[in-house]
Each structure stands twice: as structure tokens, then as C-alpha cells.
Amino acid sequence: MSVTMDDRIKRWTAKRKTALVVEIIQGKTTVAEASRAFDLSPSEIEGWVDDAKWGMENALRANPLEIREQYQKQLRDLQEAYGEAMLELRARKKLAALMEREDGQ
């Protein structure tokens, strides 16, 4: 990796995260390599890459969203995903209960 970073980094500043994400986007390293080199979870690094992509997309909009709007949109998306997951869980529980009743008859 060409990022001039010490393998013993204790605090990942925005500048360090950016340098690593840029290297990943440029194909100079992979998430797996960075994960091993810096003892970070792949999901954490992938989160940084996703955040960077979202930030770039927002920055290139004709009318970029304000920070508050960004968080509100993200919150709505998460609430929607949570709601869908809860509906699916309830449906699975009902299905399991119905199947138990059928088996018991």
C-alpha cells in the first residue's frame, strides 16, 4: 500500500480514512488487504467506502443536500428497512405457528 500510514494507527482521522478509501477506489489495494494490514474489519472499511461514494454523489448534485437533510434521509431509509424487517419477522412467526398447528392435528 502506498498510503504513508503506520501499521499501528490508533486513531483513524478523516484524512487517513480518505487516503485509504482513495487507494481502494484507485485499485491500489483491496478491502481485504487493508483489513489485514491495519487490523480493521472489512465491514468497517466497506462502510467508509460507501460513505465516501455517497458524499461524492451528494457533492456532485446540482443542489447538494444539507447535513441535516442527509441525516434525515438516512434515518428514513433505516426506519423503512427496519419496518420491512419487522414485517418479515412477524410473517415468519405466523407461518411457523400455522405450520405447528397443522402438524399437531
C-alpha atoms as a PDB file:
ATOM      1  CA  MET A   1       0.000   0.000   0.000  1.00  0.00           C
ATOM      2  CA  SER A   2       1.359   3.374  -0.901  1.00  0.00           C
ATOM      3  CA  VAL A   3      -0.506   5.278   1.768  1.00  0.00           C
ATOM      4  CA  THR A   4       2.110   6.563   4.153  1.00  0.00           C
ATOM      5  CA  MET A   5       0.465   5.163   7.236  1.00  0.00           C
ATOM      6  CA  ASP A   6       1.930   3.450  10.213  1.00  0.00           C
ATOM      7  CA  ASP A   7       0.526  -0.061  10.722  1.00  0.00           C
ATOM      8  CA  ARG A   8      -0.005   0.794  14.391  1.00  0.00           C
ATOM      9  CA  ILE A   9      -2.518   3.602  13.813  1.00  0.00           C
ATOM     10  CA  LYS A  10      -4.625   4.049  16.905  1.00  0.00           C
ATOM     11  CA  ARG A  11      -6.903   6.834  15.669  1.00  0.00           C
ATOM     12  CA  TRP A  12      -8.339   6.880  12.180  1.00  0.00           C
ATOM     13  CA  THR A  13      -8.821  10.531  11.271  1.00  0.00           C
ATOM     14  CA  ALA A  14     -10.945  11.580   8.314  1.00  0.00           C
ATOM     15  CA  LYS A  15      -7.737  12.332   6.401  1.00  0.00           C
ATOM     16  CA  ARG A  16      -6.370   8.808   6.950  1.00  0.00           C
ATOM     17  CA  LYS A  17      -9.699   7.200   6.096  1.00  0.00           C
ATOM     18  CA  THR A  18      -9.864   9.277   2.919  1.00  0.00           C
ATOM     19  CA  ALA A  19      -6.353   8.246   1.880  1.00  0.00           C
ATOM     20  CA  LEU A  20      -7.205   4.582   2.349  1.00  0.00           C
ATOM     21  CA  VAL A  21     -10.548   4.853   0.534  1.00  0.00           C
ATOM     22  CA  VAL A  22      -8.887   6.635  -2.394  1.00  0.00           C
ATOM     23  CA  GLU A  23      -6.348   3.806  -2.676  1.00  0.00           C
ATOM     24  CA  ILE A  24      -9.174   1.264  -2.688  1.00  0.00           C
ATOM     25  CA  ILE A  25     -11.127   3.189  -5.336  1.00  0.00           C
ATOM     26  CA  GLN A  26      -7.989   3.564  -7.459  1.00  0.00           C
ATOM     27  CA  GLY A  27      -7.356  -0.167  -7.229  1.00  0.00           C
ATOM     28  CA  LYS A  28      -4.028   0.217  -5.437  1.00  0.00           C
ATOM     29  CA  THR A  29      -5.261  -2.004  -2.612  1.00  0.00           C
ATOM     30  CA  THR A  30      -8.318  -4.027  -1.690  1.00  0.00           C
ATOM     31  CA  VAL A  31     -10.599  -4.014   1.315  1.00  0.00           C
ATOM     32  CA  ALA A  32      -9.226  -7.433   2.315  1.00  0.00           C
ATOM     33  CA  GLU A  33      -5.597  -6.271   2.111  1.00  0.00           C
ATOM     34  CA  ALA A  34      -6.324  -3.119   4.089  1.00  0.00           C
ATOM     35  CA  SER A  35      -8.275  -5.117   6.654  1.00  0.00           C
ATOM     36  CA  ARG A  36      -5.313  -7.400   7.268  1.00  0.00           C
ATOM     37  CA  ALA A  37      -2.704  -4.635   7.162  1.00  0.00           C
ATOM     38  CA  PHE A  38      -4.442  -2.343   9.634  1.00  0.00           C
ATOM     39  CA  ASP A  39      -6.370  -4.894  11.724  1.00  0.00           C
ATOM     40  CA  LEU A  40      -9.753  -3.431  10.797  1.00  0.00           C
ATOM     41  CA  SER A  41     -12.917  -5.311   9.969  1.00  0.00           C
ATOM     42  CA  PRO A  42     -13.788  -5.454   6.275  1.00  0.00           C
ATOM     43  CA  SER A  43     -17.283  -4.156   7.072  1.00  0.00           C
ATOM     44  CA  GLU A  44     -15.817  -1.053   8.734  1.00  0.00           C
ATOM     45  CA  ILE A  45     -13.685  -0.263   5.687  1.00  0.00           C
ATOM     46  CA  GLU A  46     -16.600  -1.002   3.331  1.00  0.00           C
ATOM     47  CA  GLY A  47     -18.669   1.459   5.379  1.00  0.00           C
ATOM     48  CA  TRP A  48     -16.034   4.133   4.809  1.00  0.00           C
ATOM     49  CA  VAL A  49     -16.073   3.398   1.063  1.00  0.00           C
ATOM     50  CA  ASP A  50     -19.888   3.590   0.981  1.00  0.00           C
ATOM     51  CA  ASP A  51     -19.848   6.871   2.925  1.00  0.00           C
ATOM     52  CA  ALA A  52     -17.252   8.286   0.535  1.00  0.00           C
ATOM     53  CA  LYS A  53     -19.274   7.306  -2.516  1.00  0.00           C
ATOM     54  CA  TRP A  54     -22.414   8.835  -1.025  1.00  0.00           C
ATOM     55  CA  GLY A  55     -20.516  12.017  -0.161  1.00  0.00           C
ATOM     56  CA  MET A  56     -19.147  12.281  -3.691  1.00  0.00           C
ATOM     57  CA  GLU A  57     -22.597  11.752  -5.163  1.00  0.00           C
ATOM     58  CA  ASN A  58     -24.034  14.443  -2.909  1.00  0.00           C
ATOM     59  CA  ALA A  59     -21.196  16.852  -3.693  1.00  0.00           C
ATOM     60  CA  LEU A  60     -21.815  16.456  -7.424  1.00  0.00           C
ATOM     61  CA  ARG A  61     -25.564  17.131  -7.202  1.00  0.00           C
ATOM     62  CA  ALA A  62     -26.881  20.345  -8.699  1.00  0.00           C
ATOM     63  CA  ASN A  63     -28.398  21.073  -5.272  1.00  0.00           C
ATOM     64  CA  PRO A  64     -26.395  19.182  -2.620  1.00  0.00           C
ATOM     65  CA  LEU A  65     -28.323  18.114   0.438  1.00  0.00           C
ATOM     66  CA  GLU A  66     -27.526  19.880   3.677  1.00  0.00           C
ATOM     67  CA  ILE A  67     -26.134  17.792   6.519  1.00  0.00           C
ATOM     68  CA  ARG A  68     -29.472  17.804   8.336  1.00  0.00           C
ATOM     69  CA  GLU A  69     -31.276  16.650   5.203  1.00  0.00           C
ATOM     70  CA  GLN A  70     -28.668  13.932   4.685  1.00  0.00           C
ATOM     71  CA  TYR A  71     -29.205  12.542   8.174  1.00  0.00           C
ATOM     72  CA  GLN A  72     -32.983  12.796   7.880  1.00  0.00           C
ATOM     73  CA  LYS A  73     -32.915  10.876   4.598  1.00  0.00           C
ATOM     74  CA  GLN A  74     -30.581   8.275   6.064  1.00  0.00           C
ATOM     75  CA  LEU A  75     -32.841   7.936   9.108  1.00  0.00           C
ATOM     76  CA  ARG A  76     -35.932   7.488   6.907  1.00  0.00           C
ATOM     77  CA  ASP A  77     -34.152   4.817   4.868  1.00  0.00           C
ATOM     78  CA  LEU A  78     -33.086   2.970   8.017  1.00  0.00           C
ATOM     79  CA  GLN A  79     -36.577   3.204   9.532  1.00  0.00           C
ATOM     80  CA  GLU A  80     -38.056   1.834   6.326  1.00  0.00           C
ATOM     81  CA  ALA A  81     -35.594  -1.073   6.285  1.00  0.00           C
ATOM     82  CA  TYR A  82     -36.316  -1.776   9.962  1.00  0.00           C
ATOM     83  CA  GLY A  83     -40.056  -1.754   9.325  1.00  0.00           C
ATOM     84  CA  GLU A  84     -39.683  -4.190   6.441  1.00  0.00           C
ATOM     85  CA  ALA A  85     -37.534  -6.490   8.567  1.00  0.00           C
ATOM     86  CA  MET A  86     -40.104  -6.441  11.368  1.00  0.00           C
ATOM     87  CA  LEU A  87     -42.938  -7.282   8.945  1.00  0.00           C
ATOM     88  CA  GLU A  88     -40.940 -10.181   7.561  1.00  0.00           C
ATOM     89  CA  LEU A  89     -40.167 -11.440  11.065  1.00  0.00           C
ATOM     90  CA  ARG A  90     -43.848 -11.305  12.061  1.00  0.00           C
ATOM     91  CA  ALA A  91     -44.863 -13.119   8.886  1.00  0.00           C
ATOM     92  CA  ARG A  92     -42.300 -15.857   9.551  1.00  0.00           C
ATOM     93  CA  LYS A  93     -43.552 -16.264  13.126  1.00  0.00           C
ATOM     94  CA  LYS A  94     -47.161 -16.545  11.940  1.00  0.00           C
ATOM     95  CA  LEU A  95     -46.171 -19.070   9.296  1.00  0.00           C
ATOM     96  CA  ALA A  96     -44.270 -21.135  11.874  1.00  0.00           C
ATOM     97  CA  ALA A  97     -47.282 -21.050  14.238  1.00  0.00           C
ATOM     98  CA  LEU A  98     -49.637 -22.158  11.443  1.00  0.00           C
ATOM     99  CA  MET A  99     -47.326 -24.974  10.442  1.00  0.00           C
ATOM    100  CA  GLU A 100     -47.090 -26.156  14.067  1.00  0.00           C
ATOM    101  CA  ARG A 101     -50.899 -26.220  14.286  1.00  0.00           C
ATOM    102  CA  GLU A 102     -51.123 -28.246  11.099  1.00  0.00           C
ATOM    103  CA  ASP A 103     -48.514 -30.715  12.341  1.00  0.00           C
ATOM    104  CA  GLY A 104     -50.350 -31.087  15.642  1.00  0.00           C
ATOM    105  CA  GLN A 105     -53.668 -32.039  14.036  1.00  0.00           C
END
